[in-house]
């Protein structure tokens, strides 16, 4: 027969899933922001290279 009272592990499981979801979301946002930073740097570098090429031609 089942025991009476509250379920044994539900509170810990709920906390664990909440923390793991928080961790996954943080990693996801960090990854996205890092990609955006890299894109911005690449764009800035390409613009500088184009400016140098245009300066050398003139």
C-alpha atoms as a PDB file:
ATOM      1  CA  UNK A   1       0.000   0.000   0.000  1.00  0.00           C
ATOM      2  CA  UNK A   2       1.042   3.560  -0.604  1.00  0.00           C
ATOM      3  CA  UNK A   3       2.225   5.641   2.285  1.00  0.00           C
ATOM      4  CA  UNK A   4       0.141   8.508   3.548  1.00  0.00           C
ATOM      5  CA  UNK A   5       1.450  12.054   3.617  1.00  0.00           C
ATOM      6  CA  UNK A   6       3.273  14.230   1.146  1.00  0.00           C
ATOM      7  CA  UNK A   7       5.251  12.741  -1.708  1.00  0.00           C
ATOM      8  CA  UNK A   8       8.876  12.131  -0.843  1.00  0.00           C
ATOM      9  CA  UNK A   9      10.920  13.789  -3.548  1.00  0.00           C
ATOM     10  CA  UNK A  10       8.655  16.255  -5.334  1.00  0.00           C
ATOM     11  CA  UNK A  11      10.023  19.408  -3.695  1.00  0.00           C
ATOM     12  CA  UNK A  12      13.639  18.579  -4.499  1.00  0.00           C
ATOM     13  CA  UNK A  13      12.769  17.594  -8.057  1.00  0.00           C
ATOM     14  CA  UNK A  14      10.869  20.838  -8.580  1.00  0.00           C
ATOM     15  CA  UNK A  15      13.780  22.899  -7.262  1.00  0.00           C
ATOM     16  CA  UNK A  16      16.244  20.970  -9.379  1.00  0.00           C
ATOM     17  CA  UNK A  17      14.274  21.400 -12.594  1.00  0.00           C
ATOM     18  CA  UNK A  18      13.801  25.096 -11.845  1.00  0.00           C
ATOM     19  CA  UNK A  19      17.543  25.564 -11.331  1.00  0.00           C
ATOM     20  CA  UNK A  20      18.433  23.536 -14.411  1.00  0.00           C
ATOM     21  CA  UNK A  21      16.012  25.533 -16.553  1.00  0.00           C
ATOM     22  CA  UNK A  22      17.509  28.747 -15.217  1.00  0.00           C
ATOM     23  CA  UNK A  23      20.997  27.474 -16.059  1.00  0.00           C
ATOM     24  CA  UNK A  24      19.975  26.440 -19.584  1.00  0.00           C
ATOM     25  CA  UNK A  25      18.339  29.821 -20.220  1.00  0.00           C
ATOM     26  CA  UNK A  26      21.439  31.636 -18.987  1.00  0.00           C
ATOM     27  CA  UNK A  27      23.710  29.584 -21.245  1.00  0.00           C
ATOM     28  CA  UNK A  28      21.371  30.177 -24.173  1.00  0.00           C
ATOM     29  CA  UNK A  29      21.336  33.959 -23.677  1.00  0.00           C
ATOM     30  CA  UNK A  30      25.108  34.058 -23.165  1.00  0.00           C
ATOM     31  CA  UNK A  31      25.606  32.170 -26.407  1.00  0.00           C
ATOM     32  CA  UNK A  32      23.329  34.563 -28.292  1.00  0.00           C
ATOM     33  CA  UNK A  33      25.014  37.689 -26.909  1.00  0.00           C
ATOM     34  CA  UNK A  34      28.451  36.278 -27.727  1.00  0.00           C
ATOM     35  CA  UNK A  35      27.374  35.619 -31.334  1.00  0.00           C
ATOM     36  CA  UNK A  36      26.063  39.184 -31.590  1.00  0.00           C
ATOM     37  CA  UNK A  37      29.354  40.583 -30.266  1.00  0.00           C
ATOM     38  CA  UNK A  38      31.342  38.525 -32.767  1.00  0.00           C
ATOM     39  CA  UNK A  39      29.109  39.689 -35.633  1.00  0.00           C
ATOM     40  CA  UNK A  40      29.561  43.313 -34.599  1.00  0.00           C
ATOM     41  CA  UNK A  41      33.350  42.913 -34.426  1.00  0.00           C
ATOM     42  CA  UNK A  42      33.487  41.208 -37.815  1.00  0.00           C
ATOM     43  CA  UNK A  43      31.412  43.981 -39.349  1.00  0.00           C
ATOM     44  CA  UNK A  44      33.612  46.660 -37.788  1.00  0.00           C
ATOM     45  CA  UNK A  45      36.791  44.964 -39.036  1.00  0.00           C
ATOM     46  CA  UNK A  46      35.418  44.569 -42.560  1.00  0.00           C
ATOM     47  CA  UNK A  47      34.432  48.249 -42.621  1.00  0.00           C
ATOM     48  CA  UNK A  48      37.936  49.242 -41.517  1.00  0.00           C
ATOM     49  CA  UNK A  49      39.472  47.071 -44.221  1.00  0.00           C
ATOM     50  CA  UNK A  50      37.199  48.616 -46.865  1.00  0.00           C
ATOM     51  CA  UNK A  51      38.152  52.088 -45.652  1.00  0.00           C
ATOM     52  CA  UNK A  52      41.857  51.204 -45.922  1.00  0.00           C
ATOM     53  CA  UNK A  53      41.392  49.822 -49.440  1.00  0.00           C
ATOM     54  CA  UNK A  54      39.487  52.929 -50.507  1.00  0.00           C
ATOM     55  CA  UNK A  55      42.174  55.143 -48.944  1.00  0.00           C
ATOM     56  CA  UNK A  56      44.953  53.334 -50.799  1.00  0.00           C
ATOM     57  CA  UNK A  57      43.199  53.611 -54.178  1.00  0.00           C
ATOM     58  CA  UNK A  58      42.657  57.362 -53.959  1.00  0.00           C
END
